[in-house]
mmCIF file of all heavy atoms, coordinates in Angstrom:
data_MODEL
# 
_entry.id   MODEL 
# 
loop_
_atom_site.group_PDB 
_atom_site.id 
_atom_site.type_symbol 
_atom_site.label_atom_id 
_atom_site.label_alt_id 
_atom_site.label_comp_id 
_atom_site.label_asym_id 
_atom_site.label_entity_id 
_atom_site.label_seq_id 
_atom_site.pdbx_PDB_ins_code 
_atom_site.Cartn_x 
_atom_site.Cartn_y 
_atom_site.Cartn_z 
_atom_site.occupancy 
_atom_site.B_iso_or_equiv 
_atom_site.pdbx_formal_charge 
_atom_site.auth_seq_id 
_atom_site.auth_comp_id 
_atom_site.auth_asym_id 
_atom_site.auth_atom_id 
_atom_site.pdbx_PDB_model_num 
ATOM 1   N N   . PRO A 1 1  ? -6.940  11.600 40.213 1.00 0.00 ? 1  PRO A N   1 
ATOM 2   C CA  . PRO A 1 1  ? -6.821  10.419 39.164 1.00 0.00 ? 1  PRO A CA  1 
ATOM 3   C C   . PRO A 1 1  ? -6.708  10.994 37.796 1.00 0.00 ? 1  PRO A C   1 
ATOM 4   O O   . PRO A 1 1  ? -7.382  12.021 37.461 1.00 0.00 ? 1  PRO A O   1 
ATOM 5   C CB  . PRO A 1 1  ? -7.977  9.580  39.509 1.00 0.00 ? 1  PRO A CB  1 
ATOM 6   C CG  . PRO A 1 1  ? -8.509  9.959  40.878 1.00 0.00 ? 1  PRO A CG  1 
ATOM 7   C CD  . PRO A 1 1  ? -8.159  11.377 40.969 1.00 0.00 ? 1  PRO A CD  1 
ATOM 8   N N   . TRP A 1 2  ? -6.343  10.174 36.756 1.00 0.00 ? 2  TRP A N   1 
ATOM 9   C CA  . TRP A 1 2  ? -6.347  10.588 35.404 1.00 0.00 ? 2  TRP A CA  1 
ATOM 10  C C   . TRP A 1 2  ? -7.690  11.109 34.901 1.00 0.00 ? 2  TRP A C   1 
ATOM 11  O O   . TRP A 1 2  ? -8.549  10.300 34.942 1.00 0.00 ? 2  TRP A O   1 
ATOM 12  C CB  . TRP A 1 2  ? -5.877  9.385  34.490 1.00 0.00 ? 2  TRP A CB  1 
ATOM 13  C CG  . TRP A 1 2  ? -5.649  9.755  33.164 1.00 0.00 ? 2  TRP A CG  1 
ATOM 14  C CD1 . TRP A 1 2  ? -6.499  10.024 32.111 1.00 0.00 ? 2  TRP A CD1 1 
ATOM 15  C CD2 . TRP A 1 2  ? -4.250  9.848  32.503 1.00 0.00 ? 2  TRP A CD2 1 
ATOM 16  N NE1 . TRP A 1 2  ? -5.753  10.307 30.992 1.00 0.00 ? 2  TRP A NE1 1 
ATOM 17  C CE2 . TRP A 1 2  ? -4.474  10.161 31.117 1.00 0.00 ? 2  TRP A CE2 1 
ATOM 18  C CE3 . TRP A 1 2  ? -2.951  9.812  32.967 1.00 0.00 ? 2  TRP A CE3 1 
ATOM 19  C CZ2 . TRP A 1 2  ? -3.400  10.335 30.317 1.00 0.00 ? 2  TRP A CZ2 1 
ATOM 20  C CZ3 . TRP A 1 2  ? -1.950  9.827  32.117 1.00 0.00 ? 2  TRP A CZ3 1 
ATOM 21  C CH2 . TRP A 1 2  ? -2.200  10.316 30.757 1.00 0.00 ? 2  TRP A CH2 1 
ATOM 22  N N   . GLY A 1 3  ? -7.591  12.371 34.484 1.00 0.00 ? 3  GLY A N   1 
ATOM 23  C CA  . GLY A 1 3  ? -8.885  12.885 33.937 1.00 0.00 ? 3  GLY A CA  1 
ATOM 24  C C   . GLY A 1 3  ? -9.909  13.533 34.870 1.00 0.00 ? 3  GLY A C   1 
ATOM 25  O O   . GLY A 1 3  ? -10.708 14.258 34.441 1.00 0.00 ? 3  GLY A O   1 
ATOM 26  N N   . GLU A 1 4  ? -9.967  13.072 36.084 1.00 0.00 ? 4  GLU A N   1 
ATOM 27  C CA  . GLU A 1 4  ? -10.929 13.506 37.018 1.00 0.00 ? 4  GLU A CA  1 
ATOM 28  C C   . GLU A 1 4  ? -10.852 14.950 37.250 1.00 0.00 ? 4  GLU A C   1 
ATOM 29  O O   . GLU A 1 4  ? -9.805  15.568 37.586 1.00 0.00 ? 4  GLU A O   1 
ATOM 30  C CB  . GLU A 1 4  ? -10.793 12.694 38.358 1.00 0.00 ? 4  GLU A CB  1 
ATOM 31  C CG  . GLU A 1 4  ? -11.842 13.126 39.365 1.00 0.00 ? 4  GLU A CG  1 
ATOM 32  C CD  . GLU A 1 4  ? -11.645 12.411 40.707 1.00 0.00 ? 4  GLU A CD  1 
ATOM 33  O OE1 . GLU A 1 4  ? -11.614 11.065 40.583 1.00 0.00 ? 4  GLU A OE1 1 
ATOM 34  O OE2 . GLU A 1 4  ? -11.759 12.951 41.696 1.00 0.00 ? 4  GLU A OE2 1 
ATOM 35  N N   . GLY A 1 5  ? -12.033 15.636 37.093 1.00 0.00 ? 5  GLY A N   1 
ATOM 36  C CA  . GLY A 1 5  ? -12.121 17.008 37.412 1.00 0.00 ? 5  GLY A CA  1 
ATOM 37  C C   . GLY A 1 5  ? -11.543 17.982 36.329 1.00 0.00 ? 5  GLY A C   1 
ATOM 38  O O   . GLY A 1 5  ? -11.354 19.164 36.593 1.00 0.00 ? 5  GLY A O   1 
ATOM 39  N N   . LEU A 1 6  ? -11.061 17.381 35.149 1.00 0.00 ? 6  LEU A N   1 
ATOM 40  C CA  . LEU A 1 6  ? -10.444 18.288 34.179 1.00 0.00 ? 6  LEU A CA  1 
ATOM 41  C C   . LEU A 1 6  ? -11.483 19.118 33.528 1.00 0.00 ? 6  LEU A C   1 
ATOM 42  O O   . LEU A 1 6  ? -12.551 18.604 33.145 1.00 0.00 ? 6  LEU A O   1 
ATOM 43  C CB  . LEU A 1 6  ? -9.759  17.372 33.140 1.00 0.00 ? 6  LEU A CB  1 
ATOM 44  C CG  . LEU A 1 6  ? -8.366  16.826 33.514 1.00 0.00 ? 6  LEU A CG  1 
ATOM 45  C CD1 . LEU A 1 6  ? -7.903  15.840 32.383 1.00 0.00 ? 6  LEU A CD1 1 
ATOM 46  C CD2 . LEU A 1 6  ? -7.284  17.905 33.908 1.00 0.00 ? 6  LEU A CD2 1 
ATOM 47  N N   . ARG A 1 7  ? -11.187 20.412 33.485 1.00 0.00 ? 7  ARG A N   1 
ATOM 48  C CA  . ARG A 1 7  ? -12.205 21.285 32.860 1.00 0.00 ? 7  ARG A CA  1 
ATOM 49  C C   . ARG A 1 7  ? -12.455 20.919 31.419 1.00 0.00 ? 7  ARG A C   1 
ATOM 50  O O   . ARG A 1 7  ? -13.572 21.058 30.952 1.00 0.00 ? 7  ARG A O   1 
ATOM 51  C CB  . ARG A 1 7  ? -11.509 22.671 32.848 1.00 0.00 ? 7  ARG A CB  1 
ATOM 52  C CG  . ARG A 1 7  ? -12.434 23.964 32.385 1.00 0.00 ? 7  ARG A CG  1 
ATOM 53  C CD  . ARG A 1 7  ? -11.730 25.186 32.587 1.00 0.00 ? 7  ARG A CD  1 
ATOM 54  N NE  . ARG A 1 7  ? -12.612 26.269 31.986 1.00 0.00 ? 7  ARG A NE  1 
ATOM 55  C CZ  . ARG A 1 7  ? -12.306 26.759 30.910 1.00 0.00 ? 7  ARG A CZ  1 
ATOM 56  N NH1 . ARG A 1 7  ? -11.559 26.184 30.052 1.00 0.00 ? 7  ARG A NH1 1 
ATOM 57  N NH2 . ARG A 1 7  ? -13.032 27.671 30.426 1.00 0.00 ? 7  ARG A NH2 1 
ATOM 58  N N   . SER A 1 8  ? -11.459 20.429 30.632 1.00 0.00 ? 8  SER A N   1 
ATOM 59  C CA  . SER A 1 8  ? -11.667 20.036 29.227 1.00 0.00 ? 8  SER A CA  1 
ATOM 60  C C   . SER A 1 8  ? -12.670 18.964 29.108 1.00 0.00 ? 8  SER A C   1 
ATOM 61  O O   . SER A 1 8  ? -13.241 18.699 27.947 1.00 0.00 ? 8  SER A O   1 
ATOM 62  C CB  . SER A 1 8  ? -10.337 19.600 28.650 1.00 0.00 ? 8  SER A CB  1 
ATOM 63  O OG  . SER A 1 8  ? -9.697  18.584 29.376 1.00 0.00 ? 8  SER A OG  1 
ATOM 64  N N   . GLN A 1 9  ? -12.896 18.097 30.075 1.00 0.00 ? 9  GLN A N   1 
ATOM 65  C CA  . GLN A 1 9  ? -13.806 17.053 29.993 1.00 0.00 ? 9  GLN A CA  1 
ATOM 66  C C   . GLN A 1 9  ? -15.255 17.516 29.892 1.00 0.00 ? 9  GLN A C   1 
ATOM 67  O O   . GLN A 1 9  ? -16.174 16.696 29.469 1.00 0.00 ? 9  GLN A O   1 
ATOM 68  C CB  . GLN A 1 9  ? -13.546 15.999 31.135 1.00 0.00 ? 9  GLN A CB  1 
ATOM 69  C CG  . GLN A 1 9  ? -12.388 15.185 31.048 1.00 0.00 ? 9  GLN A CG  1 
ATOM 70  C CD  . GLN A 1 9  ? -12.367 14.354 29.729 1.00 0.00 ? 9  GLN A CD  1 
ATOM 71  O OE1 . GLN A 1 9  ? -13.200 13.420 29.613 1.00 0.00 ? 9  GLN A OE1 1 
ATOM 72  N NE2 . GLN A 1 9  ? -11.452 14.702 28.853 1.00 0.00 ? 9  GLN A NE2 1 
ATOM 73  N N   . VAL A 1 10 ? -15.512 18.674 30.280 1.00 0.00 ? 10 VAL A N   1 
ATOM 74  C CA  . VAL A 1 10 ? -16.926 19.367 30.079 1.00 0.00 ? 10 VAL A CA  1 
ATOM 75  C C   . VAL A 1 10 ? -17.203 19.291 28.503 1.00 0.00 ? 10 VAL A C   1 
ATOM 76  O O   . VAL A 1 10 ? -18.283 19.135 28.118 1.00 0.00 ? 10 VAL A O   1 
ATOM 77  C CB  . VAL A 1 10 ? -17.044 20.661 30.612 1.00 0.00 ? 10 VAL A CB  1 
ATOM 78  C CG1 . VAL A 1 10 ? -18.272 21.391 30.313 1.00 0.00 ? 10 VAL A CG1 1 
ATOM 79  C CG2 . VAL A 1 10 ? -16.737 20.592 32.094 1.00 0.00 ? 10 VAL A CG2 1 
ATOM 80  N N   . TRP A 1 11 ? -16.132 19.492 27.722 1.00 0.00 ? 11 TRP A N   1 
ATOM 81  C CA  . TRP A 1 11 ? -16.272 19.403 26.313 1.00 0.00 ? 11 TRP A CA  1 
ATOM 82  C C   . TRP A 1 11 ? -16.133 17.972 25.804 1.00 0.00 ? 11 TRP A C   1 
ATOM 83  O O   . TRP A 1 11 ? -16.953 17.530 25.043 1.00 0.00 ? 11 TRP A O   1 
ATOM 84  C CB  . TRP A 1 11 ? -15.195 20.278 25.729 1.00 0.00 ? 11 TRP A CB  1 
ATOM 85  C CG  . TRP A 1 11 ? -15.447 21.702 25.568 1.00 0.00 ? 11 TRP A CG  1 
ATOM 86  C CD1 . TRP A 1 11 ? -15.919 22.377 24.531 1.00 0.00 ? 11 TRP A CD1 1 
ATOM 87  C CD2 . TRP A 1 11 ? -15.033 22.634 26.589 1.00 0.00 ? 11 TRP A CD2 1 
ATOM 88  N NE1 . TRP A 1 11 ? -16.008 23.829 24.815 1.00 0.00 ? 11 TRP A NE1 1 
ATOM 89  C CE2 . TRP A 1 11 ? -15.469 23.954 25.986 1.00 0.00 ? 11 TRP A CE2 1 
ATOM 90  C CE3 . TRP A 1 11 ? -14.595 22.591 27.859 1.00 0.00 ? 11 TRP A CE3 1 
ATOM 91  C CZ2 . TRP A 1 11 ? -15.283 25.046 26.938 1.00 0.00 ? 11 TRP A CZ2 1 
ATOM 92  C CZ3 . TRP A 1 11 ? -14.424 23.740 28.679 1.00 0.00 ? 11 TRP A CZ3 1 
ATOM 93  C CH2 . TRP A 1 11 ? -14.761 24.892 28.154 1.00 0.00 ? 11 TRP A CH2 1 
ATOM 94  N N   . PHE A 1 12 ? -14.971 17.381 26.086 1.00 0.00 ? 12 PHE A N   1 
ATOM 95  C CA  . PHE A 1 12 ? -14.726 16.059 25.507 1.00 0.00 ? 12 PHE A CA  1 
ATOM 96  C C   . PHE A 1 12 ? -15.235 14.807 26.077 1.00 0.00 ? 12 PHE A C   1 
ATOM 97  O O   . PHE A 1 12 ? -15.268 13.661 25.535 1.00 0.00 ? 12 PHE A O   1 
ATOM 98  C CB  . PHE A 1 12 ? -13.197 15.930 25.377 1.00 0.00 ? 12 PHE A CB  1 
ATOM 99  C CG  . PHE A 1 12 ? -12.518 16.935 24.527 1.00 0.00 ? 12 PHE A CG  1 
ATOM 100 C CD1 . PHE A 1 12 ? -11.282 17.635 25.001 1.00 0.00 ? 12 PHE A CD1 1 
ATOM 101 C CD2 . PHE A 1 12 ? -13.005 17.258 23.370 1.00 0.00 ? 12 PHE A CD2 1 
ATOM 102 C CE1 . PHE A 1 12 ? -10.705 18.676 24.196 1.00 0.00 ? 12 PHE A CE1 1 
ATOM 103 C CE2 . PHE A 1 12 ? -12.371 18.403 22.555 1.00 0.00 ? 12 PHE A CE2 1 
ATOM 104 C CZ  . PHE A 1 12 ? -11.334 19.008 23.009 1.00 0.00 ? 12 PHE A CZ  1 
ATOM 105 N N   . GLY A 1 13 ? -15.720 14.948 27.407 1.00 0.00 ? 13 GLY A N   1 
ATOM 106 C CA  . GLY A 1 13 ? -16.044 13.737 28.139 1.00 0.00 ? 13 GLY A CA  1 
ATOM 107 C C   . GLY A 1 13 ? -17.600 13.505 28.058 1.00 0.00 ? 13 GLY A C   1 
ATOM 108 O O   . GLY A 1 13 ? -18.241 12.559 28.506 1.00 0.00 ? 13 GLY A O   1 
ATOM 109 N N   . ASP A 1 14 ? -18.366 14.404 27.257 1.00 0.00 ? 14 ASP A N   1 
ATOM 110 C CA  . ASP A 1 14 ? -19.726 14.314 27.131 1.00 0.00 ? 14 ASP A CA  1 
ATOM 111 C C   . ASP A 1 14 ? -20.094 13.156 26.071 1.00 0.00 ? 14 ASP A C   1 
ATOM 112 O O   . ASP A 1 14 ? -19.651 13.210 25.025 1.00 0.00 ? 14 ASP A O   1 
ATOM 113 C CB  . ASP A 1 14 ? -20.257 15.605 26.593 1.00 0.00 ? 14 ASP A CB  1 
ATOM 114 C CG  . ASP A 1 14 ? -21.949 15.667 26.616 1.00 0.00 ? 14 ASP A CG  1 
ATOM 115 O OD1 . ASP A 1 14 ? -22.493 14.770 25.862 1.00 0.00 ? 14 ASP A OD1 1 
ATOM 116 O OD2 . ASP A 1 14 ? -22.464 16.551 27.303 1.00 0.00 ? 14 ASP A OD2 1 
ATOM 117 N N   . PRO A 1 15 ? -20.941 12.265 26.533 1.00 0.00 ? 15 PRO A N   1 
ATOM 118 C CA  . PRO A 1 15 ? -21.221 10.991 25.691 1.00 0.00 ? 15 PRO A CA  1 
ATOM 119 C C   . PRO A 1 15 ? -22.270 11.407 24.589 1.00 0.00 ? 15 PRO A C   1 
ATOM 120 O O   . PRO A 1 15 ? -22.598 10.504 23.631 1.00 0.00 ? 15 PRO A O   1 
ATOM 121 C CB  . PRO A 1 15 ? -21.669 9.953  26.687 1.00 0.00 ? 15 PRO A CB  1 
ATOM 122 C CG  . PRO A 1 15 ? -22.387 10.806 27.641 1.00 0.00 ? 15 PRO A CG  1 
ATOM 123 C CD  . PRO A 1 15 ? -21.560 12.044 27.896 1.00 0.00 ? 15 PRO A CD  1 
ATOM 124 N N   . GLY A 1 16 ? -22.978 12.622 24.739 1.00 0.00 ? 16 GLY A N   1 
ATOM 125 C CA  . GLY A 1 16 ? -24.052 12.755 23.798 1.00 0.00 ? 16 GLY A CA  1 
ATOM 126 C C   . GLY A 1 16 ? -23.517 13.600 22.485 1.00 0.00 ? 16 GLY A C   1 
ATOM 127 O O   . GLY A 1 16 ? -22.396 13.586 22.043 1.00 0.00 ? 16 GLY A O   1 
ATOM 128 N N   . LYS A 1 17 ? -24.565 14.465 22.065 1.00 0.00 ? 17 LYS A N   1 
ATOM 129 C CA  . LYS A 1 17 ? -24.324 15.158 20.850 1.00 0.00 ? 17 LYS A CA  1 
ATOM 130 C C   . LYS A 1 17 ? -23.255 16.174 20.857 1.00 0.00 ? 17 LYS A C   1 
ATOM 131 O O   . LYS A 1 17 ? -22.403 16.295 20.094 1.00 0.00 ? 17 LYS A O   1 
ATOM 132 C CB  . LYS A 1 17 ? -25.631 15.767 20.446 1.00 0.00 ? 17 LYS A CB  1 
ATOM 133 C CG  . LYS A 1 17 ? -25.481 16.640 19.145 1.00 0.00 ? 17 LYS A CG  1 
ATOM 134 C CD  . LYS A 1 17 ? -26.806 17.403 18.740 1.00 0.00 ? 17 LYS A CD  1 
ATOM 135 C CE  . LYS A 1 17 ? -27.244 18.243 19.891 1.00 0.00 ? 17 LYS A CE  1 
ATOM 136 N NZ  . LYS A 1 17 ? -28.597 19.023 19.521 1.00 0.00 ? 17 LYS A NZ  1 
ATOM 137 N N   . THR A 1 18 ? -23.189 16.822 22.017 1.00 0.00 ? 18 THR A N   1 
ATOM 138 C CA  . THR A 1 18 ? -22.186 17.955 22.078 1.00 0.00 ? 18 THR A CA  1 
ATOM 139 C C   . THR A 1 18 ? -20.795 17.383 22.137 1.00 0.00 ? 18 THR A C   1 
ATOM 140 O O   . THR A 1 18 ? -19.850 17.865 21.525 1.00 0.00 ? 18 THR A O   1 
ATOM 141 C CB  . THR A 1 18 ? -22.365 18.817 23.306 1.00 0.00 ? 18 THR A CB  1 
ATOM 142 O OG1 . THR A 1 18 ? -22.252 17.965 24.534 1.00 0.00 ? 18 THR A OG1 1 
ATOM 143 C CG2 . THR A 1 18 ? -23.654 19.498 23.231 1.00 0.00 ? 18 THR A CG2 1 
ATOM 144 N N   . GLY A 1 19 ? -20.514 16.193 22.993 1.00 0.00 ? 19 GLY A N   1 
ATOM 145 C CA  . GLY A 1 19 ? -19.306 15.571 22.930 1.00 0.00 ? 19 GLY A CA  1 
ATOM 146 C C   . GLY A 1 19 ? -18.739 15.104 21.606 1.00 0.00 ? 19 GLY A C   1 
ATOM 147 O O   . GLY A 1 19 ? -17.573 15.223 21.092 1.00 0.00 ? 19 GLY A O   1 
ATOM 148 N N   . PHE A 1 20 ? -19.795 14.533 20.922 1.00 0.00 ? 20 PHE A N   1 
ATOM 149 C CA  . PHE A 1 20 ? -19.678 14.003 19.555 1.00 0.00 ? 20 PHE A CA  1 
ATOM 150 C C   . PHE A 1 20 ? -19.010 15.159 18.589 1.00 0.00 ? 20 PHE A C   1 
ATOM 151 O O   . PHE A 1 20 ? -18.051 14.990 17.909 1.00 0.00 ? 20 PHE A O   1 
ATOM 152 C CB  . PHE A 1 20 ? -20.969 13.516 18.988 1.00 0.00 ? 20 PHE A CB  1 
ATOM 153 C CG  . PHE A 1 20 ? -20.880 13.015 17.627 1.00 0.00 ? 20 PHE A CG  1 
ATOM 154 C CD1 . PHE A 1 20 ? -20.765 11.468 17.267 1.00 0.00 ? 20 PHE A CD1 1 
ATOM 155 C CD2 . PHE A 1 20 ? -20.843 13.808 16.444 1.00 0.00 ? 20 PHE A CD2 1 
ATOM 156 C CE1 . PHE A 1 20 ? -20.689 11.134 16.052 1.00 0.00 ? 20 PHE A CE1 1 
ATOM 157 C CE2 . PHE A 1 20 ? -20.602 13.392 15.186 1.00 0.00 ? 20 PHE A CE2 1 
ATOM 158 C CZ  . PHE A 1 20 ? -20.675 11.965 14.873 1.00 0.00 ? 20 PHE A CZ  1 
ATOM 159 N N   . MET A 1 21 ? -19.606 16.305 18.620 1.00 0.00 ? 21 MET A N   1 
ATOM 160 C CA  . MET A 1 21 ? -19.253 17.422 17.846 1.00 0.00 ? 21 MET A CA  1 
ATOM 161 C C   . MET A 1 21 ? -17.918 17.769 18.227 1.00 0.00 ? 21 MET A C   1 
ATOM 162 O O   . MET A 1 21 ? -17.008 18.136 17.399 1.00 0.00 ? 21 MET A O   1 
ATOM 163 C CB  . MET A 1 21 ? -20.305 18.570 17.868 1.00 0.00 ? 21 MET A CB  1 
ATOM 164 C CG  . MET A 1 21 ? -21.688 18.343 17.299 1.00 0.00 ? 21 MET A CG  1 
ATOM 165 S SD  . MET A 1 21 ? -22.758 19.631 17.392 1.00 0.00 ? 21 MET A SD  1 
ATOM 166 C CE  . MET A 1 21 ? -22.077 20.724 16.260 1.00 0.00 ? 21 MET A CE  1 
ATOM 167 N N   . HIS A 1 22 ? -17.579 18.095 19.434 1.00 0.00 ? 22 HIS A N   1 
ATOM 168 C CA  . HIS A 1 22 ? -16.332 18.579 20.002 1.00 0.00 ? 22 HIS A CA  1 
ATOM 169 C C   . HIS A 1 22 ? -15.179 17.600 19.427 1.00 0.00 ? 22 HIS A C   1 
ATOM 170 O O   . HIS A 1 22 ? -14.222 18.123 19.002 1.00 0.00 ? 22 HIS A O   1 
ATOM 171 C CB  . HIS A 1 22 ? -16.211 18.743 21.396 1.00 0.00 ? 22 HIS A CB  1 
ATOM 172 C CG  . HIS A 1 22 ? -17.263 19.769 21.924 1.00 0.00 ? 22 HIS A CG  1 
ATOM 173 N ND1 . HIS A 1 22 ? -17.413 20.951 21.408 1.00 0.00 ? 22 HIS A ND1 1 
ATOM 174 C CD2 . HIS A 1 22 ? -18.018 19.709 23.049 1.00 0.00 ? 22 HIS A CD2 1 
ATOM 175 C CE1 . HIS A 1 22 ? -18.322 21.654 22.154 1.00 0.00 ? 22 HIS A CE1 1 
ATOM 176 N NE2 . HIS A 1 22 ? -18.696 20.986 23.089 1.00 0.00 ? 22 HIS A NE2 1 
ATOM 177 N N   . ARG A 1 23 ? -15.366 16.404 19.713 1.00 0.00 ? 23 ARG A N   1 
ATOM 178 C CA  . ARG A 1 23 ? -14.250 15.339 19.507 1.00 0.00 ? 23 ARG A CA  1 
ATOM 179 C C   . ARG A 1 23 ? -14.253 15.272 17.883 1.00 0.00 ? 23 ARG A C   1 
ATOM 180 O O   . ARG A 1 23 ? -13.088 15.089 17.270 1.00 0.00 ? 23 ARG A O   1 
ATOM 181 C CB  . ARG A 1 23 ? -14.534 14.008 20.058 1.00 0.00 ? 23 ARG A CB  1 
ATOM 182 C CG  . ARG A 1 23 ? -14.634 13.957 21.621 1.00 0.00 ? 23 ARG A CG  1 
ATOM 183 C CD  . ARG A 1 23 ? -14.847 12.550 22.154 1.00 0.00 ? 23 ARG A CD  1 
ATOM 184 N NE  . ARG A 1 23 ? -16.061 12.049 21.807 1.00 0.00 ? 23 ARG A NE  1 
ATOM 185 C CZ  . ARG A 1 23 ? -17.176 12.192 22.524 1.00 0.00 ? 23 ARG A CZ  1 
ATOM 186 N NH1 . ARG A 1 23 ? -17.180 12.851 23.671 1.00 0.00 ? 23 ARG A NH1 1 
ATOM 187 N NH2 . ARG A 1 23 ? -18.281 11.534 22.153 1.00 0.00 ? 23 ARG A NH2 1 
ATOM 188 N N   . SER A 1 24 ? -15.331 15.099 17.150 1.00 0.00 ? 24 SER A N   1 
ATOM 189 C CA  . SER A 1 24 ? -15.290 14.796 15.804 1.00 0.00 ? 24 SER A CA  1 
ATOM 190 C C   . SER A 1 24 ? -14.365 15.939 14.945 1.00 0.00 ? 24 SER A C   1 
ATOM 191 O O   . SER A 1 24 ? -13.636 15.573 14.036 1.00 0.00 ? 24 SER A O   1 
ATOM 192 C CB  . SER A 1 24 ? -16.798 14.689 15.236 1.00 0.00 ? 24 SER A CB  1 
ATOM 193 O OG  . SER A 1 24 ? -16.767 14.474 13.833 1.00 0.00 ? 24 SER A OG  1 
ATOM 194 N N   . TRP A 1 25 ? -14.738 17.126 15.212 1.00 0.00 ? 25 TRP A N   1 
ATOM 195 C CA  . TRP A 1 25 ? -14.180 18.214 14.389 1.00 0.00 ? 25 TRP A CA  1 
ATOM 196 C C   . TRP A 1 25 ? -12.628 18.224 14.715 1.00 0.00 ? 25 TRP A C   1 
ATOM 197 O O   . TRP A 1 25 ? -11.887 18.513 13.790 1.00 0.00 ? 25 TRP A O   1 
ATOM 198 C CB  . TRP A 1 25 ? -14.702 19.546 14.657 1.00 0.00 ? 25 TRP A CB  1 
ATOM 199 C CG  . TRP A 1 25 ? -15.825 19.873 13.575 1.00 0.00 ? 25 TRP A CG  1 
ATOM 200 C CD1 . TRP A 1 25 ? -15.557 20.671 12.544 1.00 0.00 ? 25 TRP A CD1 1 
ATOM 201 C CD2 . TRP A 1 25 ? -17.098 19.536 13.581 1.00 0.00 ? 25 TRP A CD2 1 
ATOM 202 N NE1 . TRP A 1 25 ? -16.759 20.848 11.798 1.00 0.00 ? 25 TRP A NE1 1 
ATOM 203 C CE2 . TRP A 1 25 ? -17.669 20.059 12.302 1.00 0.00 ? 25 TRP A CE2 1 
ATOM 204 C CE3 . TRP A 1 25 ? -18.021 18.675 14.314 1.00 0.00 ? 25 TRP A CE3 1 
ATOM 205 C CZ2 . TRP A 1 25 ? -19.001 19.924 11.889 1.00 0.00 ? 25 TRP A CZ2 1 
ATOM 206 C CZ3 . TRP A 1 25 ? -19.379 18.597 13.926 1.00 0.00 ? 25 TRP A CZ3 1 
ATOM 207 C CH2 . TRP A 1 25 ? -19.789 19.156 12.722 1.00 0.00 ? 25 TRP A CH2 1 
ATOM 208 N N   . LEU A 1 26 ? -12.267 17.971 15.874 1.00 0.00 ? 26 LEU A N   1 
ATOM 209 C CA  . LEU A 1 26 ? -10.722 17.894 16.234 1.00 0.00 ? 26 LEU A CA  1 
ATOM 210 C C   . LEU A 1 26 ? -10.102 16.756 15.586 1.00 0.00 ? 26 LEU A C   1 
ATOM 211 O O   . LEU A 1 26 ? -8.886  16.853 15.310 1.00 0.00 ? 26 LEU A O   1 
ATOM 212 C CB  . LEU A 1 26 ? -10.581 18.033 17.759 1.00 0.00 ? 26 LEU A CB  1 
ATOM 213 C CG  . LEU A 1 26 ? -10.675 19.422 18.214 1.00 0.00 ? 26 LEU A CG  1 
ATOM 214 C CD1 . LEU A 1 26 ? -10.359 19.347 19.828 1.00 0.00 ? 26 LEU A CD1 1 
ATOM 215 C CD2 . LEU A 1 26 ? -9.708  20.390 17.751 1.00 0.00 ? 26 LEU A CD2 1 
ATOM 216 N N   . ARG A 1 27 ? -10.760 15.783 15.218 1.00 0.00 ? 27 ARG A N   1 
ATOM 217 C CA  . ARG A 1 27 ? -10.102 14.585 14.553 1.00 0.00 ? 27 ARG A CA  1 
ATOM 218 C C   . ARG A 1 27 ? -9.560  15.037 13.162 1.00 0.00 ? 27 ARG A C   1 
ATOM 219 O O   . ARG A 1 27 ? -8.695  14.332 12.617 1.00 0.00 ? 27 ARG A O   1 
ATOM 220 C CB  . ARG A 1 27 ? -11.159 13.450 14.510 1.00 0.00 ? 27 ARG A CB  1 
ATOM 221 C CG  . ARG A 1 27 ? -11.465 12.688 15.701 1.00 0.00 ? 27 ARG A CG  1 
ATOM 222 C CD  . ARG A 1 27 ? -12.473 11.593 15.607 1.00 0.00 ? 27 ARG A CD  1 
ATOM 223 N NE  . ARG A 1 27 ? -12.924 11.086 16.795 1.00 0.00 ? 27 ARG A NE  1 
ATOM 224 C CZ  . ARG A 1 27 ? -12.243 10.055 17.501 1.00 0.00 ? 27 ARG A CZ  1 
ATOM 225 N NH1 . ARG A 1 27 ? -11.231 9.646  17.072 1.00 0.00 ? 27 ARG A NH1 1 
ATOM 226 N NH2 . ARG A 1 27 ? -12.829 9.868  18.658 1.00 0.00 ? 27 ARG A NH2 1 
ATOM 227 N N   . SER A 1 28 ? -10.083 16.157 12.631 1.00 0.00 ? 28 SER A N   1 
ATOM 228 C CA  . SER A 1 28 ? -9.745  16.557 11.338 1.00 0.00 ? 28 SER A CA  1 
ATOM 229 C C   . SER A 1 28 ? -8.177  17.054 11.439 1.00 0.00 ? 28 SER A C   1 
ATOM 230 O O   . SER A 1 28 ? -7.385  17.206 10.399 1.00 0.00 ? 28 SER A O   1 
ATOM 231 C CB  . SER A 1 28 ? -10.394 17.708 10.971 1.00 0.00 ? 28 SER A CB  1 
ATOM 232 O OG  . SER A 1 28 ? -10.312 18.954 11.607 1.00 0.00 ? 28 SER A OG  1 
ATOM 233 N N   . GLU A 1 29 ? -7.624  17.284 12.700 1.00 0.00 ? 29 GLU A N   1 
ATOM 234 C CA  . GLU A 1 29 ? -6.204  17.610 13.005 1.00 0.00 ? 29 GLU A CA  1 
ATOM 235 C C   . GLU A 1 29 ? -5.444  16.454 13.126 1.00 0.00 ? 29 GLU A C   1 
ATOM 236 O O   . GLU A 1 29 ? -4.129  16.594 13.271 1.00 0.00 ? 29 GLU A O   1 
ATOM 237 C CB  . GLU A 1 29 ? -6.166  18.514 14.157 1.00 0.00 ? 29 GLU A CB  1 
ATOM 238 C CG  . GLU A 1 29 ? -7.067  19.918 14.060 1.00 0.00 ? 29 GLU A CG  1 
ATOM 239 C CD  . GLU A 1 29 ? -6.753  20.844 15.251 1.00 0.00 ? 29 GLU A CD  1 
ATOM 240 O OE1 . GLU A 1 29 ? -5.754  20.685 15.918 1.00 0.00 ? 29 GLU A OE1 1 
ATOM 241 O OE2 . GLU A 1 29 ? -7.601  21.784 15.293 1.00 0.00 ? 29 GLU A OE2 1 
# 
C-alpha cells in the first residue's frame, strides 16, 4: 500500500521531534 514499508518514512513519518526537523528543513526547497 501507499507508503507502507518505505525506508524514507523512518525519516519523514516520525511524528515527533526528529520527523519535525527532517520535514521542516526540506520545506525550504
